[in-house]
Structure formats: structure tokens, C-alpha cells
C-alpha atoms as a PDB file:
ATOM      1  CA  MET A   1       0.000   0.000   0.000  1.00  0.00           C
ATOM      2  CA  THR A   2       1.366   3.399  -0.933  1.00  0.00           C
ATOM      3  CA  SER A   3       1.304   6.684   0.907  1.00  0.00           C
ATOM      4  CA  PRO A   4      -1.998   8.564   1.197  1.00  0.00           C
ATOM      5  CA  ASN A   5      -0.236  11.313  -0.775  1.00  0.00           C
ATOM      6  CA  ARG A   6      -0.942   9.204  -3.849  1.00  0.00           C
ATOM      7  CA  ALA A   7      -4.524  10.461  -3.582  1.00  0.00           C
ATOM      8  CA  PHE A   8      -3.408  13.793  -5.025  1.00  0.00           C
ATOM      9  CA  LYS A   9      -2.449  12.044  -8.295  1.00  0.00           C
ATOM     10  CA  LEU A  10      -5.815  10.427  -8.972  1.00  0.00           C
ATOM     11  CA  ASN A  11      -6.412  12.701 -11.945  1.00  0.00           C
ATOM     12  CA  SER A  12      -4.521  10.068 -13.979  1.00  0.00           C
ATOM     13  CA  HIS A  13      -7.114   7.395 -13.188  1.00  0.00           C
ATOM     14  CA  LEU A  14     -10.179   6.519 -15.237  1.00  0.00           C
ATOM     15  CA  LEU A  15     -12.078   5.808 -12.008  1.00  0.00           C
ATOM     16  CA  ALA A  16     -11.047   7.921  -9.024  1.00  0.00           C
ATOM     17  CA  ILE A  17     -12.630   7.690  -5.567  1.00  0.00           C
ATOM     18  CA  GLU A  18     -11.463  10.208  -2.971  1.00  0.00           C
ATOM     19  CA  HIS A  19     -12.305  10.468   0.730  1.00  0.00           C
ATOM     20  CA  LEU A  20     -15.533   8.564   0.210  1.00  0.00           C
ATOM     21  CA  SER A  21     -17.771   7.977   3.225  1.00  0.00           C
ATOM     22  CA  VAL A  22     -21.170   6.317   3.501  1.00  0.00           C
ATOM     23  CA  PHE A  23     -23.351   6.460   6.604  1.00  0.00           C
ATOM     24  CA  LEU A  24     -26.305   4.261   7.500  1.00  0.00           C
ATOM     25  CA  ASN A  25     -28.473   5.775  10.244  1.00  0.00           C
ATOM     26  CA  ASP A  26     -25.545   8.006  11.264  1.00  0.00           C
ATOM     27  CA  THR A  27     -23.264   4.961  11.562  1.00  0.00           C
ATOM     28  CA  PRO A  28     -20.352   4.847   9.085  1.00  0.00           C
ATOM     29  CA  LEU A  29     -20.341   1.868   6.744  1.00  0.00           C
ATOM     30  CA  PHE A  30     -16.926   3.019   5.589  1.00  0.00           C
ATOM     31  CA  GLU A  31     -15.084   6.342   5.892  1.00  0.00           C
ATOM     32  CA  ASP A  32     -12.442   8.321   4.013  1.00  0.00           C
ATOM     33  CA  LEU A  33     -11.960   5.640   1.371  1.00  0.00           C
ATOM     34  CA  THR A  34      -9.608   6.579  -1.460  1.00  0.00           C
ATOM     35  CA  LEU A  35      -8.603   4.472  -4.450  1.00  0.00           C
ATOM     36  CA  GLY A  36      -8.049   4.818  -8.165  1.00  0.00           C
ATOM     37  CA  ILE A  37      -8.063   2.558 -11.194  1.00  0.00           C
ATOM     38  CA  ARG A  38      -6.255   3.487 -14.396  1.00  0.00           C
ATOM     39  CA  LYS A  39      -7.601   2.704 -17.830  1.00  0.00           C
ATOM     40  CA  GLY A  40      -7.364  -1.009 -18.548  1.00  0.00           C
ATOM     41  CA  GLU A  41      -6.605  -2.031 -14.959  1.00  0.00           C
ATOM     42  CA  LYS A  42      -8.491  -4.785 -13.141  1.00  0.00           C
ATOM     43  CA  LEU A  43      -8.864  -4.298  -9.391  1.00  0.00           C
ATOM     44  CA  THR A  44     -10.362  -6.815  -6.980  1.00  0.00           C
ATOM     45  CA  LEU A  45     -11.782  -5.508  -3.713  1.00  0.00           C
ATOM     46  CA  THR A  46     -12.437  -7.909  -0.854  1.00  0.00           C
ATOM     47  CA  GLY A  47     -13.723  -7.716   2.698  1.00  0.00           C
ATOM     48  CA  PRO A  48     -16.168  -9.450   5.027  1.00  0.00           C
ATOM     49  CA  SER A  49     -19.904  -9.472   4.427  1.00  0.00           C
ATOM     50  CA  GLY A  50     -21.428  -6.170   5.497  1.00  0.00           C
ATOM     51  CA  SER A  51     -18.238  -4.160   4.984  1.00  0.00           C
ATOM     52  CA  GLY A  52     -19.772  -2.152   2.130  1.00  0.00           C
ATOM     53  CA  LYS A  53     -18.389  -3.759  -1.026  1.00  0.00           C
ATOM     54  CA  SER A  54     -21.695  -3.809  -2.892  1.00  0.00           C
ATOM     55  CA  THR A  55     -22.553  -0.352  -1.540  1.00  0.00           C
ATOM     56  CA  LEU A  56     -19.330   1.024  -2.989  1.00  0.00           C
ATOM     57  CA  LEU A  57     -20.314  -0.189  -6.452  1.00  0.00           C
ATOM     58  CA  ARG A  58     -23.749   1.368  -6.028  1.00  0.00           C
ATOM     59  CA  CYS A  59     -22.064   4.652  -5.073  1.00  0.00           C
ATOM     60  CA  VAL A  60     -20.141   4.591  -8.361  1.00  0.00           C
ATOM     61  CA  LEU A  61     -23.465   4.047 -10.143  1.00  0.00           C
ATOM     62  CA  GLY A  62     -24.971   7.019  -8.319  1.00  0.00           C
ATOM     63  CA  PHE A  63     -27.563   4.993  -6.401  1.00  0.00           C
ATOM     64  CA  VAL A  64     -26.302   5.608  -2.842  1.00  0.00           C
ATOM     65  CA  PRO A  65     -25.748   8.987  -1.113  1.00  0.00           C
ATOM     66  CA  PHE A  66     -22.133   9.605  -0.118  1.00  0.00           C
ATOM     67  CA  THR A  67     -19.704  12.274   0.950  1.00  0.00           C
ATOM     68  CA  GLY A  68     -16.435  12.677  -0.885  1.00  0.00           C
ATOM     69  CA  THR A  69     -15.712  12.591  -4.605  1.00  0.00           C
ATOM     70  CA  ILE A  70     -16.136  10.031  -7.373  1.00  0.00           C
ATOM     71  CA  ARG A  71     -14.757  10.912 -10.803  1.00  0.00           C
ATOM     72  CA  ILE A  72     -15.104   8.913 -13.998  1.00  0.00           C
ATOM     73  CA  ASN A  73     -12.821   9.992 -16.825  1.00  0.00           C
ATOM     74  CA  GLY A  74     -12.231  13.239 -14.966  1.00  0.00           C
ATOM     75  CA  ILE A  75     -15.914  14.113 -14.506  1.00  0.00           C
ATOM     76  CA  SER A  76     -17.275  14.322 -10.958  1.00  0.00           C
ATOM     77  CA  LEU A  77     -20.334  12.251 -10.187  1.00  0.00           C
ATOM     78  CA  ASP A  78     -23.245  14.403  -9.048  1.00  0.00           C
ATOM     79  CA  ALA A  79     -26.943  14.900  -9.757  1.00  0.00           C
ATOM     80  CA  ARG A  80     -26.212  16.686 -13.022  1.00  0.00           C
ATOM     81  CA  SER A  81     -23.660  14.243 -14.434  1.00  0.00           C
ATOM     82  CA  VAL A  82     -24.998  10.907 -13.174  1.00  0.00           C
ATOM     83  CA  TRP A  83     -27.028   9.984 -16.258  1.00  0.00           C
ATOM     84  CA  HIS A  84     -24.150  10.813 -18.581  1.00  0.00           C
ATOM     85  CA  LEU A  85     -21.610   8.919 -16.483  1.00  0.00           C
ATOM     86  CA  ARG A  86     -23.767   5.783 -16.223  1.00  0.00           C
ATOM     87  CA  ARG A  87     -23.389   5.433 -19.976  1.00  0.00           C
ATOM     88  CA  ASN A  88     -19.725   4.669 -19.317  1.00  0.00           C
ATOM     89  CA  ILE A  89     -20.486   1.860 -16.859  1.00  0.00           C
ATOM     90  CA  ALA A  90     -21.771  -1.700 -17.114  1.00  0.00           C
ATOM     91  CA  TYR A  91     -22.740  -3.482 -13.908  1.00  0.00           C
ATOM     92  CA  VAL A  92     -23.284  -7.148 -13.060  1.00  0.00           C
ATOM     93  CA  ALA A  93     -25.011  -7.857  -9.759  1.00  0.00           C
ATOM     94  CA  GLN A  94     -24.432 -10.997  -7.716  1.00  0.00           C
ATOM     95  CA  GLU A  95     -28.001 -12.128  -8.424  1.00  0.00           C
ATOM     96  CA  PRO A  96     -28.844 -10.318 -11.667  1.00  0.00           C
ATOM     97  CA  ASP A  97     -32.483  -9.665 -12.494  1.00  0.00           C
ATOM     98  CA  LEU A  98     -32.666 -10.352 -16.215  1.00  0.00           C
ATOM     99  CA  GLY A  99     -36.429 -10.663 -16.475  1.00  0.00           C
ATOM    100  CA  ASP A 100     -38.176 -13.434 -18.404  1.00  0.00           C
ATOM    101  CA  GLY A 101     -38.134 -14.742 -21.941  1.00  0.00           C
ATOM    102  CA  LEU A 102     -35.718 -16.419 -24.302  1.00  0.00           C
ATOM    103  CA  VAL A 103     -32.030 -15.809 -23.639  1.00  0.00           C
ATOM    104  CA  GLU A 104     -31.464 -14.082 -26.985  1.00  0.00           C
ATOM    105  CA  GLU A 105     -34.475 -11.817 -26.427  1.00  0.00           C
ATOM    106  CA  VAL A 106     -33.131 -10.845 -23.011  1.00  0.00           C
ATOM    107  CA  LEU A 107     -29.738 -10.021 -24.528  1.00  0.00           C
ATOM    108  CA  ARG A 108     -31.299  -7.894 -27.258  1.00  0.00           C
ATOM    109  CA  ILE A 109     -33.571  -5.787 -25.022  1.00  0.00           C
ATOM    110  CA  PRO A 110     -30.880  -3.404 -23.614  1.00  0.00           C
ATOM    111  CA  LEU A 111     -29.850  -2.517 -27.166  1.00  0.00           C
ATOM    112  CA  THR A 112     -33.313  -1.027 -27.734  1.00  0.00           C
ATOM    113  CA  TYR A 113     -32.917   1.560 -24.958  1.00  0.00           C
ATOM    114  CA  ARG A 114     -32.296   5.160 -25.951  1.00  0.00           C
ATOM    115  CA  ALA A 115     -28.977   5.260 -24.083  1.00  0.00           C
ATOM    116  CA  ASN A 116     -27.736   2.404 -26.298  1.00  0.00           C
ATOM    117  CA  ARG A 117     -29.187   3.574 -29.599  1.00  0.00           C
ATOM    118  CA  THR A 118     -25.735   3.683 -31.238  1.00  0.00           C
ATOM    119  CA  LEU A 119     -25.220  -0.045 -30.621  1.00  0.00           C
ATOM    120  CA  SER A 120     -26.276  -2.850 -32.940  1.00  0.00           C
ATOM    121  CA  TRP A 121     -26.796  -6.580 -32.503  1.00  0.00           C
ATOM    122  CA  ASN A 122     -23.699  -8.491 -33.605  1.00  0.00           C
ATOM    123  CA  PRO A 123     -24.336 -12.260 -33.831  1.00  0.00           C
ATOM    124  CA  GLY A 124     -20.628 -12.988 -34.251  1.00  0.00           C
ATOM    125  CA  GLU A 125     -19.794 -11.111 -31.065  1.00  0.00           C
ATOM    126  CA  VAL A 126     -22.475 -13.015 -29.165  1.00  0.00           C
ATOM    127  CA  ASP A 127     -21.243 -16.359 -30.518  1.00  0.00           C
ATOM    128  CA  ALA A 128     -17.677 -15.511 -29.471  1.00  0.00           C
ATOM    129  CA  LEU A 129     -18.766 -14.599 -25.935  1.00  0.00           C
ATOM    130  CA  PHE A 130     -20.784 -17.799 -25.570  1.00  0.00           C
ATOM    131  CA  GLU A 131     -17.758 -19.822 -26.647  1.00  0.00           C
ATOM    132  CA  ALA A 132     -15.409 -17.877 -24.366  1.00  0.00           C
ATOM    133  CA  PHE A 133     -17.666 -18.499 -21.351  1.00  0.00           C
ATOM    134  CA  LEU A 134     -18.250 -22.207 -22.083  1.00  0.00           C
ATOM    135  CA  LEU A 135     -21.906 -21.742 -22.981  1.00  0.00           C
ATOM    136  CA  SER A 136     -23.656 -23.826 -25.630  1.00  0.00           C
ATOM    137  CA  PRO A 137     -24.926 -21.831 -28.659  1.00  0.00           C
ATOM    138  CA  GLY A 138     -28.262 -23.595 -28.209  1.00  0.00           C
ATOM    139  CA  LEU A 139     -28.712 -21.791 -24.924  1.00  0.00           C
ATOM    140  CA  ARG A 140     -29.756 -18.672 -26.834  1.00  0.00           C
ATOM    141  CA  ALA A 141     -33.088 -20.310 -27.720  1.00  0.00           C
ATOM    142  CA  LYS A 142     -33.873 -21.431 -24.153  1.00  0.00           C
ATOM    143  CA  GLU A 143     -36.094 -19.771 -21.583  1.00  0.00           C
ATOM    144  CA  LEU A 144     -34.042 -17.831 -19.077  1.00  0.00           C
ATOM    145  CA  SER A 145     -36.003 -19.456 -16.232  1.00  0.00           C
ATOM    146  CA  THR A 146     -34.635 -22.890 -17.198  1.00  0.00           C
ATOM    147  CA  LEU A 147     -30.989 -21.884 -16.803  1.00  0.00           C
ATOM    148  CA  SER A 148     -28.777 -22.720 -13.850  1.00  0.00           C
ATOM    149  CA  GLY A 149     -27.430 -19.990 -11.577  1.00  0.00           C
ATOM    150  CA  GLY A 150     -24.012 -20.175 -13.218  1.00  0.00           C
ATOM    151  CA  GLU A 151     -25.516 -19.908 -16.698  1.00  0.00           C
ATOM    152  CA  ARG A 152     -27.613 -16.894 -15.700  1.00  0.00           C
ATOM    153  CA  GLN A 153     -24.563 -15.223 -14.189  1.00  0.00           C
ATOM    154  CA  ARG A 154     -22.637 -15.631 -17.435  1.00  0.00           C
ATOM    155  CA  ILE A 155     -25.599 -14.401 -19.491  1.00  0.00           C
ATOM    156  CA  ALA A 156     -25.703 -11.287 -17.293  1.00  0.00           C
ATOM    157  CA  LEU A 157     -22.010 -10.728 -17.925  1.00  0.00           C
ATOM    158  CA  ILE A 158     -22.499 -11.126 -21.669  1.00  0.00           C
ATOM    159  CA  ALA A 159     -25.376  -8.621 -21.557  1.00  0.00           C
ATOM    160  CA  ALA A 160     -23.067  -6.143 -19.805  1.00  0.00           C
ATOM    161  CA  LEU A 161     -20.240  -6.687 -22.293  1.00  0.00           C
ATOM    162  CA  LEU A 162     -22.560  -6.149 -25.257  1.00  0.00           C
ATOM    163  CA  LEU A 163     -23.050  -2.572 -24.030  1.00  0.00           C
ATOM    164  CA  ARG A 164     -19.350  -1.953 -24.876  1.00  0.00           C
ATOM    165  CA  ARG A 165     -18.787   0.389 -21.981  1.00  0.00           C
ATOM    166  CA  PRO A 166     -15.264   1.173 -20.723  1.00  0.00           C
ATOM    167  CA  VAL A 167     -15.915   0.554 -16.997  1.00  0.00           C
ATOM    168  CA  LEU A 168     -17.214  -2.784 -15.729  1.00  0.00           C
ATOM    169  CA  LEU A 169     -18.407  -3.236 -12.133  1.00  0.00           C
ATOM    170  CA  LEU A 170     -18.710  -6.835 -10.905  1.00  0.00           C
ATOM    171  CA  ASP A 171     -20.413  -7.859  -7.665  1.00  0.00           C
ATOM    172  CA  GLU A 172     -19.446 -11.441  -6.713  1.00  0.00           C
ATOM    173  CA  ALA A 173     -19.435 -12.224 -10.442  1.00  0.00           C
ATOM    174  CA  GLY A 174     -18.034 -15.730  -9.979  1.00  0.00           C
ATOM    175  CA  SER A 175     -20.152 -16.840  -7.040  1.00  0.00           C
ATOM    176  CA  ALA A 176     -22.295 -19.293  -9.044  1.00  0.00           C
ATOM    177  CA  LEU A 177     -19.620 -20.518 -11.462  1.00  0.00           C
ATOM    178  CA  ASP A 178     -17.766 -23.814 -11.364  1.00  0.00           C
ATOM    179  CA  SER A 179     -13.966 -23.837 -11.476  1.00  0.00           C
ATOM    180  CA  ALA A 180     -13.704 -24.213 -15.253  1.00  0.00           C
ATOM    181  CA  ALA A 181     -16.136 -21.388 -15.933  1.00  0.00           C
ATOM    182  CA  LYS A 182     -14.412 -19.096 -13.415  1.00  0.00           C
ATOM    183  CA  GLN A 183     -11.084 -19.669 -15.102  1.00  0.00           C
ATOM    184  CA  ARG A 184     -12.442 -18.966 -18.577  1.00  0.00           C
ATOM    185  CA  VAL A 185     -14.307 -15.830 -17.477  1.00  0.00           C
ATOM    186  CA  ARG A 186     -11.187 -14.500 -15.717  1.00  0.00           C
ATOM    187  CA  GLU A 187      -8.990 -15.256 -18.719  1.00  0.00           C
ATOM    188  CA  TYR A 188     -11.362 -13.473 -21.074  1.00  0.00           C
ATOM    189  CA  LEU A 189     -11.748 -10.373 -18.914  1.00  0.00           C
ATOM    190  CA  VAL A 190      -7.993 -10.101 -18.349  1.00  0.00           C
ATOM    191  CA  SER A 191      -7.487 -10.282 -22.130  1.00  0.00           C
ATOM    192  CA  ARG A 192      -9.769  -7.259 -22.607  1.00  0.00           C
ATOM    193  CA  THR A 193      -7.223  -4.495 -22.245  1.00  0.00           C
ATOM    194  CA  ASP A 194      -9.919  -1.976 -23.198  1.00  0.00           C
ATOM    195  CA  LEU A 195     -11.912  -2.747 -20.042  1.00  0.00           C
ATOM    196  CA  THR A 196     -11.348  -1.108 -16.669  1.00  0.00           C
ATOM    197  CA  ILE A 197     -12.781  -3.421 -14.014  1.00  0.00           C
ATOM    198  CA  LEU A 198     -13.653  -3.029 -10.340  1.00  0.00           C
ATOM    199  CA  SER A 199     -14.662  -6.424  -8.978  1.00  0.00           C
ATOM    200  CA  VAL A 200     -15.761  -7.135  -5.412  1.00  0.00           C
ATOM    201  CA  SER A 201     -15.674 -10.558  -3.785  1.00  0.00           C
ATOM    202  CA  HIS A 202     -15.827 -11.707  -0.171  1.00  0.00           C
ATOM    203  CA  ASP A 203     -13.454 -14.587  -1.003  1.00  0.00           C
ATOM    204  CA  VAL A 204     -10.692 -13.815  -3.503  1.00  0.00           C
ATOM    205  CA  ARG A 205      -9.845 -17.507  -3.688  1.00  0.00           C
ATOM    206  CA  GLU A 206     -13.113 -17.840  -5.574  1.00  0.00           C
ATOM    207  CA  PHE A 207     -12.789 -15.004  -8.073  1.00  0.00           C
ATOM    208  CA  ALA A 208      -9.945 -12.518  -8.403  1.00  0.00           C
ATOM    209  CA  PHE A 209      -7.835 -11.067 -11.179  1.00  0.00           C
ATOM    210  CA  LEU A 210      -4.070 -11.215 -11.412  1.00  0.00           C
ATOM    211  CA  GLY A 211      -3.714  -7.541 -10.527  1.00  0.00           C
ATOM    212  CA  GLU A 212      -4.175  -5.665  -7.293  1.00  0.00           C
ATOM    213  CA  VAL A 213      -6.304  -7.159  -4.501  1.00  0.00           C
ATOM    214  CA  LEU A 214      -7.318  -4.702  -1.763  1.00  0.00           C
ATOM    215  CA  ASN A 215      -9.267  -5.148   1.445  1.00  0.00           C
ATOM    216  CA  LEU A 216     -12.015  -2.553   1.873  1.00  0.00           C
ATOM    217  CA  THR A 217     -11.607  -2.482   5.645  1.00  0.00           C
ATOM    218  CA  GLU A 218      -7.935  -1.455   5.252  1.00  0.00           C
ATOM    219  CA  LEU A 219      -8.420   1.339   2.716  1.00  0.00           C
ATOM    220  CA  SER A 220      -9.213   4.295   4.963  1.00  0.00           C
ATOM    221  CA  GLY A 221      -6.971   7.192   3.932  1.00  0.00           C
ATOM    222  CA  SER A 222      -4.979   5.092   1.431  1.00  0.00           C
ATOM    223  CA  ALA A 223      -4.833   4.804  -2.340  1.00  0.00           C
ATOM    224  CA  THR A 224      -3.963   2.083  -4.800  1.00  0.00           C
ATOM    225  CA  PRO A 225      -0.399   1.771  -6.112  1.00  0.00           C
END
């Protein structure tokens, strides 16, 4: 861990979090948290259940009130910029709510939203992602409700990747995957040098990247190397 003075250099990071604090009923969930992730970096954040890992991701998405500063590509997150900044972020929850219907229909729906109007459906890209994540092509014609937890988790990740956004937030993204699937998902995400990833996991033995692993409970007043 480097000196807290590193916090003054966070303008070089794609995602910069400075002196962030979140309070629940006047009790701090975490305080004075500072970290930064440069373009293309993959950071894994760990910590015990209840330490605020998921809340931190929701802060970056603008869903949770906080004190301090969050900047994405140099722009501070606030009520005026939140909708613009969310267009730079894709998010995969631990238990993603993908709705109902056929898998391919579910994957196509986000591309119809106004925020994604510049995107188009690319069958080759979808086929490549299914292969990379050890999913059968025939899965695209199945009802989402018939899929296993691990399959749904990978479908959620594919849906996020199809948005082609530079920042990817992952909340326990490997929790439902078997060992082979975890390895393939990690390998693919590491190979994507265009993606900046903040991943949280209570057990880094289960799902972590090769880069920096930080403990949320130890971050007060410190920044990433």
C-alpha cells in the first residue's frame, strides 16, 4: 500500500474515488476511502460481508448517497452528471435480475434503450462470448427461467459486455460458477485491455484477477499503487 499522498495524483485514473464515506443511520459503513483505477486495470476488492463492497459499487453508479468525490474519466459524479456517467459503466449484480423470456431476447432488449441507440446486434460477437464463457450456442433459444445460476450469471455478464462500456463493475461475479467457468471468465476479462474493471468478492480464492487485490476495511486514507 502506498502513501496517502498518492490520492493527489488520482487525476490520472479513469475511475477515481477520494475520501468517500457512507453512513447508514448516522453509523459509518466506511469512511475516508480513497482508491483509483487506471484505464485497462483490473482491481479486486475484498472484505467481510457487510463491509460495504456492494454499496461502494452502487455509489459509483450514483444509487447511494455519499460524501467525498467520485470521478469517472475526470468528470465528478453528481446529480447533473450521473445519467451521462452511467453510460460509461456496465454493472453485473451478484443475483442479476434479467427478467423473463428467451435468452437471446433478453440479450437484445438493452440494445433497444435510448442510451444504447448507437449499438447494434452483432451475432458474431455473441457467438464468441458464448464460446469464451463455455456456454452452448443452443442456450440462446432457451427460456431464461430454465438456466442454472451459473448460466444466468454468465448471461448477465455477456449482456453487460454487449453494451461496450469502458468501466465494468462486478459484484461477486463468480459466485455461481464452477472452477472451469471461473477460469475462462477470468482469462477473457484479463485479455480485454480496453476494459477497466472493479470487482468485489468476499473470497478472492473464488474469483480474483491477477492484478491488485485490496481489502475494503484497510483502505481508509490510502490509495492504490
